[in-house]
Amino acid sequence: MAARADPVQLRPAHPAPQVVVVRRGWHIDVGFDVADLKVPLRSIASNLPMAHFIFFGFGDMHYLLSKSHNASTMAAALWPGRGIMLVTGLQGSPQQAFGADHVIELTLTDDAARELQDFIWESFATVDGVAGVYRSGPYEGSLYFLATHKYSALHTCNTWAAEALHAAHLHVHRAAVVFAGQLWRQVRRLQRQEPAPSLAPQPQTSH
């Protein structure tokens, strides 16, 4: 099933684009408000027209599509194999879906947001410039797409997420990032370094 040609009806974009990083147990996803998506990555949202937020994750195709996640299936994922992209659409907020403690929002420059989205788009296998849906995802509002990257013990879902954030010029290291905790600690550090929101000056009142 290919992405629909008609454009997604988007809400106004934020004054400054944001990337939303979520921790889903052992897995890190990277997402955006749909209003902040640019072409060509925006075409992915056409497959989830009711979503207000779209999240992207990378994984091992054999493991994610296997009906049983036993020891042999997990061991097989350690060897280089076909990768797959999991796209999740949310109608509510990420905090509602994943819990506030598992969501971090980071502000990006326009150039950084573009390069991050370009990296994610280039992770999708395309035919004639179109990323076609491979099959339905594991739960409602999720879809699988074929990936260009291979999955292995040295290039996991969290390695991919670290590479994505690095593409946005965020100060995260990619080497030897295998587990979610390794990346999550770096993202929390970036959150602490975010400038505090400026307060609008209060109008002067006369006495």
C-alpha atoms as a PDB file:
ATOM      1  CA  MET A   1       0.000   0.000   0.000  1.00  0.00           C
ATOM      2  CA  ALA A   2       1.628   3.270  -1.111  1.00  0.00           C
ATOM      3  CA  ALA A   3       1.299   6.647   0.536  1.00  0.00           C
ATOM      4  CA  ARG A   4      -1.712   8.599  -0.679  1.00  0.00           C
ATOM      5  CA  ALA A   5      -0.982  11.428  -3.051  1.00  0.00           C
ATOM      6  CA  ASP A   6      -3.275  13.933  -1.355  1.00  0.00           C
ATOM      7  CA  PRO A   7      -1.524  16.173   1.190  1.00  0.00           C
ATOM      8  CA  VAL A   8      -2.100  15.790   4.917  1.00  0.00           C
ATOM      9  CA  GLN A   9      -4.252  18.472   6.493  1.00  0.00           C
ATOM     10  CA  LEU A  10      -1.781  20.012   8.896  1.00  0.00           C
ATOM     11  CA  ARG A  11      -2.222  22.336  11.834  1.00  0.00           C
ATOM     12  CA  PRO A  12       0.004  25.433  12.013  1.00  0.00           C
ATOM     13  CA  ALA A  13       3.630  24.535  12.729  1.00  0.00           C
ATOM     14  CA  HIS A  14       5.299  25.580  15.956  1.00  0.00           C
ATOM     15  CA  PRO A  15       7.301  28.846  15.963  1.00  0.00           C
ATOM     16  CA  ALA A  16      10.364  26.639  16.602  1.00  0.00           C
ATOM     17  CA  PRO A  17      10.325  22.973  15.532  1.00  0.00           C
ATOM     18  CA  GLN A  18      10.656  20.309  18.207  1.00  0.00           C
ATOM     19  CA  VAL A  19      11.725  16.698  18.270  1.00  0.00           C
ATOM     20  CA  VAL A  20       9.959  14.478  20.778  1.00  0.00           C
ATOM     21  CA  VAL A  21      12.046  11.614  22.159  1.00  0.00           C
ATOM     22  CA  VAL A  22      10.231   8.812  23.966  1.00  0.00           C
ATOM     23  CA  ARG A  23      11.489   5.793  25.843  1.00  0.00           C
ATOM     24  CA  ARG A  24       9.406   2.675  25.337  1.00  0.00           C
ATOM     25  CA  GLY A  25      11.148   0.263  27.665  1.00  0.00           C
ATOM     26  CA  TRP A  26      14.257  -0.981  25.857  1.00  0.00           C
ATOM     27  CA  HIS A  27      13.472   1.069  22.752  1.00  0.00           C
ATOM     28  CA  ILE A  28      13.832   4.787  21.892  1.00  0.00           C
ATOM     29  CA  ASP A  29      11.510   6.458  19.359  1.00  0.00           C
ATOM     30  CA  VAL A  30      11.903   9.866  17.712  1.00  0.00           C
ATOM     31  CA  GLY A  31       8.813  11.845  16.746  1.00  0.00           C
ATOM     32  CA  PHE A  32       7.233  15.109  15.721  1.00  0.00           C
ATOM     33  CA  ASP A  33       4.009  17.002  15.854  1.00  0.00           C
ATOM     34  CA  VAL A  34       2.526  16.331  12.408  1.00  0.00           C
ATOM     35  CA  ALA A  35       2.361  20.099  11.893  1.00  0.00           C
ATOM     36  CA  ASP A  36       6.181  20.206  11.954  1.00  0.00           C
ATOM     37  CA  LEU A  37       6.695  17.542   9.266  1.00  0.00           C
ATOM     38  CA  LYS A  38       8.177  18.642   5.963  1.00  0.00           C
ATOM     39  CA  VAL A  39       8.201  17.018   2.527  1.00  0.00           C
ATOM     40  CA  PRO A  40       9.134  14.229   1.873  1.00  0.00           C
ATOM     41  CA  LEU A  41       8.791  12.777   5.394  1.00  0.00           C
ATOM     42  CA  ARG A  42       5.363  14.366   5.625  1.00  0.00           C
ATOM     43  CA  SER A  43       4.095  11.802   3.095  1.00  0.00           C
ATOM     44  CA  ILE A  44       4.332   9.103   5.774  1.00  0.00           C
ATOM     45  CA  ALA A  45       1.625  10.898   7.769  1.00  0.00           C
ATOM     46  CA  SER A  46      -0.781  10.461   4.848  1.00  0.00           C
ATOM     47  CA  ASN A  47      -1.120   6.843   5.958  1.00  0.00           C
ATOM     48  CA  LEU A  48      -2.236   7.916   9.441  1.00  0.00           C
ATOM     49  CA  PRO A  49      -4.550  10.875   8.706  1.00  0.00           C
ATOM     50  CA  MET A  50      -6.014  11.070  12.238  1.00  0.00           C
ATOM     51  CA  ALA A  51      -2.646  11.327  13.978  1.00  0.00           C
ATOM     52  CA  HIS A  52      -1.471  14.536  15.641  1.00  0.00           C
ATOM     53  CA  PHE A  53       1.973  13.101  16.461  1.00  0.00           C
ATOM     54  CA  ILE A  54       4.076  10.663  14.444  1.00  0.00           C
ATOM     55  CA  PHE A  55       6.881   8.557  15.943  1.00  0.00           C
ATOM     56  CA  PHE A  56       9.595   6.671  14.118  1.00  0.00           C
ATOM     57  CA  GLY A  57      11.554   3.676  15.325  1.00  0.00           C
ATOM     58  CA  PHE A  58      13.934   1.155  13.805  1.00  0.00           C
ATOM     59  CA  GLY A  59      14.166  -2.548  14.539  1.00  0.00           C
ATOM     60  CA  ASP A  60      15.043  -6.045  13.433  1.00  0.00           C
ATOM     61  CA  MET A  61      12.541  -7.264  10.864  1.00  0.00           C
ATOM     62  CA  HIS A  62      12.722 -10.947  11.799  1.00  0.00           C
ATOM     63  CA  TYR A  63      12.349 -10.261  15.523  1.00  0.00           C
ATOM     64  CA  LEU A  64       9.520  -7.727  15.273  1.00  0.00           C
ATOM     65  CA  LEU A  65       7.477  -9.820  12.854  1.00  0.00           C
ATOM     66  CA  SER A  66       8.063 -13.110  14.662  1.00  0.00           C
ATOM     67  CA  LYS A  67       5.080 -14.566  16.501  1.00  0.00           C
ATOM     68  CA  SER A  68       7.317 -15.850  19.299  1.00  0.00           C
ATOM     69  CA  HIS A  69      10.071 -13.803  20.940  1.00  0.00           C
ATOM     70  CA  ASN A  70      11.991 -16.685  22.460  1.00  0.00           C
ATOM     71  CA  ALA A  71      15.706 -16.987  23.109  1.00  0.00           C
ATOM     72  CA  SER A  72      16.518 -18.252  19.601  1.00  0.00           C
ATOM     73  CA  THR A  73      14.639 -15.362  17.978  1.00  0.00           C
ATOM     74  CA  MET A  74      16.448 -12.845  20.170  1.00  0.00           C
ATOM     75  CA  ALA A  75      19.813 -14.464  19.435  1.00  0.00           C
ATOM     76  CA  ALA A  76      19.165 -14.318  15.692  1.00  0.00           C
ATOM     77  CA  ALA A  77      18.648 -10.549  15.960  1.00  0.00           C
ATOM     78  CA  LEU A  78      22.272 -10.160  17.030  1.00  0.00           C
ATOM     79  CA  TRP A  79      23.474 -11.018  13.511  1.00  0.00           C
ATOM     80  CA  PRO A  80      23.143  -8.484  10.688  1.00  0.00           C
ATOM     81  CA  GLY A  81      19.719  -8.749   9.100  1.00  0.00           C
ATOM     82  CA  ARG A  82      16.974  -6.807   7.384  1.00  0.00           C
ATOM     83  CA  GLY A  83      15.810  -3.716   9.237  1.00  0.00           C
ATOM     84  CA  ILE A  84      12.274  -2.414   9.468  1.00  0.00           C
ATOM     85  CA  MET A  85      10.757   0.956  10.390  1.00  0.00           C
ATOM     86  CA  LEU A  86       7.866   1.145  12.831  1.00  0.00           C
ATOM     87  CA  VAL A  87       5.723   4.269  12.516  1.00  0.00           C
ATOM     88  CA  THR A  88       3.277   5.090  15.302  1.00  0.00           C
ATOM     89  CA  GLY A  89       0.556   7.735  15.095  1.00  0.00           C
ATOM     90  CA  LEU A  90      -1.001   9.324  18.176  1.00  0.00           C
ATOM     91  CA  GLN A  91      -4.212  11.302  18.328  1.00  0.00           C
ATOM     92  CA  GLY A  92      -3.481  12.431  21.893  1.00  0.00           C
ATOM     93  CA  SER A  93      -0.295  13.803  23.418  1.00  0.00           C
ATOM     94  CA  PRO A  94       2.907  11.765  23.818  1.00  0.00           C
ATOM     95  CA  GLN A  95       2.646  12.304  27.584  1.00  0.00           C
ATOM     96  CA  GLN A  96      -0.771  10.659  27.599  1.00  0.00           C
ATOM     97  CA  ALA A  97       0.451   7.723  25.541  1.00  0.00           C
ATOM     98  CA  PHE A  98       3.817   7.016  27.151  1.00  0.00           C
ATOM     99  CA  GLY A  99       3.774   8.851  30.504  1.00  0.00           C
ATOM    100  CA  ALA A 100       5.409  12.210  31.158  1.00  0.00           C
ATOM    101  CA  ASP A 101       8.539  10.605  32.664  1.00  0.00           C
ATOM    102  CA  HIS A 102       9.211   8.855  29.362  1.00  0.00           C
ATOM    103  CA  VAL A 103       8.870  11.904  27.081  1.00  0.00           C
ATOM    104  CA  ILE A 104      11.473  14.602  26.388  1.00  0.00           C
ATOM    105  CA  GLU A 105      10.915  17.493  23.984  1.00  0.00           C
ATOM    106  CA  LEU A 106      13.912  19.286  22.490  1.00  0.00           C
ATOM    107  CA  THR A 107      13.840  22.512  20.491  1.00  0.00           C
ATOM    108  CA  LEU A 108      15.645  22.545  17.149  1.00  0.00           C
ATOM    109  CA  THR A 109      16.689  25.123  14.617  1.00  0.00           C
ATOM    110  CA  ASP A 110      14.951  24.945  11.248  1.00  0.00           C
ATOM    111  CA  ASP A 111      18.111  23.538   9.634  1.00  0.00           C
ATOM    112  CA  ALA A 112      18.551  20.908  12.346  1.00  0.00           C
ATOM    113  CA  ALA A 113      14.915  19.820  12.042  1.00  0.00           C
ATOM    114  CA  ARG A 114      15.314  19.495   8.280  1.00  0.00           C
ATOM    115  CA  GLU A 115      18.455  17.385   8.572  1.00  0.00           C
ATOM    116  CA  LEU A 116      16.860  15.150  11.202  1.00  0.00           C
ATOM    117  CA  GLN A 117      13.810  14.588   9.022  1.00  0.00           C
ATOM    118  CA  ASP A 118      16.031  13.940   6.006  1.00  0.00           C
ATOM    119  CA  PHE A 119      17.927  11.290   7.973  1.00  0.00           C
ATOM    120  CA  ILE A 120      14.686   9.585   8.987  1.00  0.00           C
ATOM    121  CA  TRP A 121      13.318   9.705   5.440  1.00  0.00           C
ATOM    122  CA  GLU A 122      16.522   8.174   4.075  1.00  0.00           C
ATOM    123  CA  SER A 123      16.005   5.283   6.521  1.00  0.00           C
ATOM    124  CA  PHE A 124      12.876   4.255   4.565  1.00  0.00           C
ATOM    125  CA  ALA A 125      13.231   2.006   1.538  1.00  0.00           C
ATOM    126  CA  THR A 126      11.490   3.747  -1.357  1.00  0.00           C
ATOM    127  CA  VAL A 127      10.394   2.896  -4.878  1.00  0.00           C
ATOM    128  CA  ASP A 128      10.220   5.838  -7.274  1.00  0.00           C
ATOM    129  CA  GLY A 129      10.425   8.199  -4.313  1.00  0.00           C
ATOM    130  CA  VAL A 130       7.518   6.597  -2.441  1.00  0.00           C
ATOM    131  CA  ALA A 131       7.742   4.757   0.892  1.00  0.00           C
ATOM    132  CA  GLY A 132       5.079   2.076   0.728  1.00  0.00           C
ATOM    133  CA  VAL A 133       3.510   0.470   3.787  1.00  0.00           C
ATOM    134  CA  TYR A 134       4.865  -3.050   4.268  1.00  0.00           C
ATOM    135  CA  ARG A 135       2.171  -4.234   6.675  1.00  0.00           C
ATOM    136  CA  SER A 136       0.124  -3.186   9.687  1.00  0.00           C
ATOM    137  CA  GLY A 137       1.997  -2.609  12.923  1.00  0.00           C
ATOM    138  CA  PRO A 138       1.576  -4.455  16.213  1.00  0.00           C
ATOM    139  CA  TYR A 139      -1.144  -2.192  17.543  1.00  0.00           C
ATOM    140  CA  GLU A 140      -3.761   0.276  16.353  1.00  0.00           C
ATOM    141  CA  GLY A 141      -2.291   3.351  14.699  1.00  0.00           C
ATOM    142  CA  SER A 142       1.023   1.735  13.771  1.00  0.00           C
ATOM    143  CA  LEU A 143       2.534   0.648  10.464  1.00  0.00           C
ATOM    144  CA  TYR A 144       5.666  -1.159   9.294  1.00  0.00           C
ATOM    145  CA  PHE A 145       7.838   0.074   6.416  1.00  0.00           C
ATOM    146  CA  LEU A 146      10.953  -1.536   4.967  1.00  0.00           C
ATOM    147  CA  ALA A 147      14.210   0.101   6.045  1.00  0.00           C
ATOM    148  CA  THR A 148      17.453   0.848   4.235  1.00  0.00           C
ATOM    149  CA  HIS A 149      19.604   0.089   7.309  1.00  0.00           C
ATOM    150  CA  LYS A 150      20.502  -3.370   8.552  1.00  0.00           C
ATOM    151  CA  TYR A 151      19.945  -4.348  12.178  1.00  0.00           C
ATOM    152  CA  SER A 152      22.608  -6.066  14.284  1.00  0.00           C
ATOM    153  CA  ALA A 153      24.014  -6.229  17.789  1.00  0.00           C
ATOM    154  CA  LEU A 154      26.190  -3.237  16.892  1.00  0.00           C
ATOM    155  CA  HIS A 155      23.450  -1.256  15.153  1.00  0.00           C
ATOM    156  CA  THR A 156      20.280  -1.530  17.205  1.00  0.00           C
ATOM    157  CA  CYS A 157      17.109   0.521  17.434  1.00  0.00           C
ATOM    158  CA  ASN A 158      18.893   2.786  19.915  1.00  0.00           C
ATOM    159  CA  THR A 159      21.973   3.178  17.716  1.00  0.00           C
ATOM    160  CA  TRP A 160      19.658   4.363  14.955  1.00  0.00           C
ATOM    161  CA  ALA A 161      17.925   6.831  17.292  1.00  0.00           C
ATOM    162  CA  ALA A 162      21.301   8.209  18.397  1.00  0.00           C
ATOM    163  CA  GLU A 163      22.306   8.661  14.754  1.00  0.00           C
ATOM    164  CA  ALA A 164      19.037  10.470  14.081  1.00  0.00           C
ATOM    165  CA  LEU A 165      19.557  12.932  16.937  1.00  0.00           C
ATOM    166  CA  HIS A 166      23.169  13.427  15.907  1.00  0.00           C
ATOM    167  CA  ALA A 167      21.929  14.344  12.424  1.00  0.00           C
ATOM    168  CA  ALA A 168      20.046  17.199  14.120  1.00  0.00           C
ATOM    169  CA  HIS A 169      23.384  18.553  15.456  1.00  0.00           C
ATOM    170  CA  LEU A 170      22.479  17.526  18.993  1.00  0.00           C
ATOM    171  CA  HIS A 171      25.452  16.625  21.173  1.00  0.00           C
ATOM    172  CA  VAL A 172      24.967  12.885  21.502  1.00  0.00           C
ATOM    173  CA  HIS A 173      27.552  10.217  20.806  1.00  0.00           C
ATOM    174  CA  ARG A 174      26.618   7.338  18.534  1.00  0.00           C
ATOM    175  CA  ALA A 175      29.494   4.918  18.990  1.00  0.00           C
ATOM    176  CA  ALA A 176      28.679   1.909  21.177  1.00  0.00           C
ATOM    177  CA  VAL A 177      25.123   3.098  21.864  1.00  0.00           C
ATOM    178  CA  VAL A 178      23.230  -0.184  22.023  1.00  0.00           C
ATOM    179  CA  PHE A 179      20.809   0.068  24.931  1.00  0.00           C
ATOM    180  CA  ALA A 180      18.019   2.579  25.583  1.00  0.00           C
ATOM    181  CA  GLY A 181      19.522   3.736  28.869  1.00  0.00           C
ATOM    182  CA  GLN A 182      22.751   4.810  27.167  1.00  0.00           C
ATOM    183  CA  LEU A 183      20.890   7.174  24.889  1.00  0.00           C
ATOM    184  CA  TRP A 184      18.246   8.254  27.382  1.00  0.00           C
ATOM    185  CA  ARG A 185      20.895   9.603  29.783  1.00  0.00           C
ATOM    186  CA  GLN A 186      22.265  11.753  26.968  1.00  0.00           C
ATOM    187  CA  VAL A 187      18.813  13.052  26.020  1.00  0.00           C
ATOM    188  CA  ARG A 188      18.052  13.941  29.652  1.00  0.00           C
ATOM    189  CA  ARG A 189      21.309  15.915  29.757  1.00  0.00           C
ATOM    190  CA  LEU A 190      20.215  17.823  26.657  1.00  0.00           C
ATOM    191  CA  GLN A 191      16.870  18.514  28.310  1.00  0.00           C
ATOM    192  CA  ARG A 192      18.611  20.053  31.317  1.00  0.00           C
ATOM    193  CA  GLN A 193      20.587  22.296  28.959  1.00  0.00           C
ATOM    194  CA  GLU A 194      17.458  23.619  27.232  1.00  0.00           C
ATOM    195  CA  PRO A 195      17.064  27.369  27.847  1.00  0.00           C
ATOM    196  CA  ALA A 196      14.252  28.267  30.182  1.00  0.00           C
ATOM    197  CA  PRO A 197      11.202  29.702  28.391  1.00  0.00           C
ATOM    198  CA  SER A 198      11.236  33.480  28.434  1.00  0.00           C
ATOM    199  CA  LEU A 199       8.440  35.194  30.278  1.00  0.00           C
ATOM    200  CA  ALA A 200       6.511  37.926  28.531  1.00  0.00           C
ATOM    201  CA  PRO A 201       6.908  41.285  30.308  1.00  0.00           C
ATOM    202  CA  GLN A 202       3.988  42.168  32.491  1.00  0.00           C
ATOM    203  CA  PRO A 203       2.156  45.386  31.593  1.00  0.00           C
ATOM    204  CA  GLN A 204       2.795  48.312  33.912  1.00  0.00           C
ATOM    205  CA  THR A 205      -0.173  49.420  35.957  1.00  0.00           C
ATOM    206  CA  SER A 206      -0.669  52.941  37.204  1.00  0.00           C
ATOM    207  CA  HIS A 207      -1.519  53.626  40.833  1.00  0.00           C
END
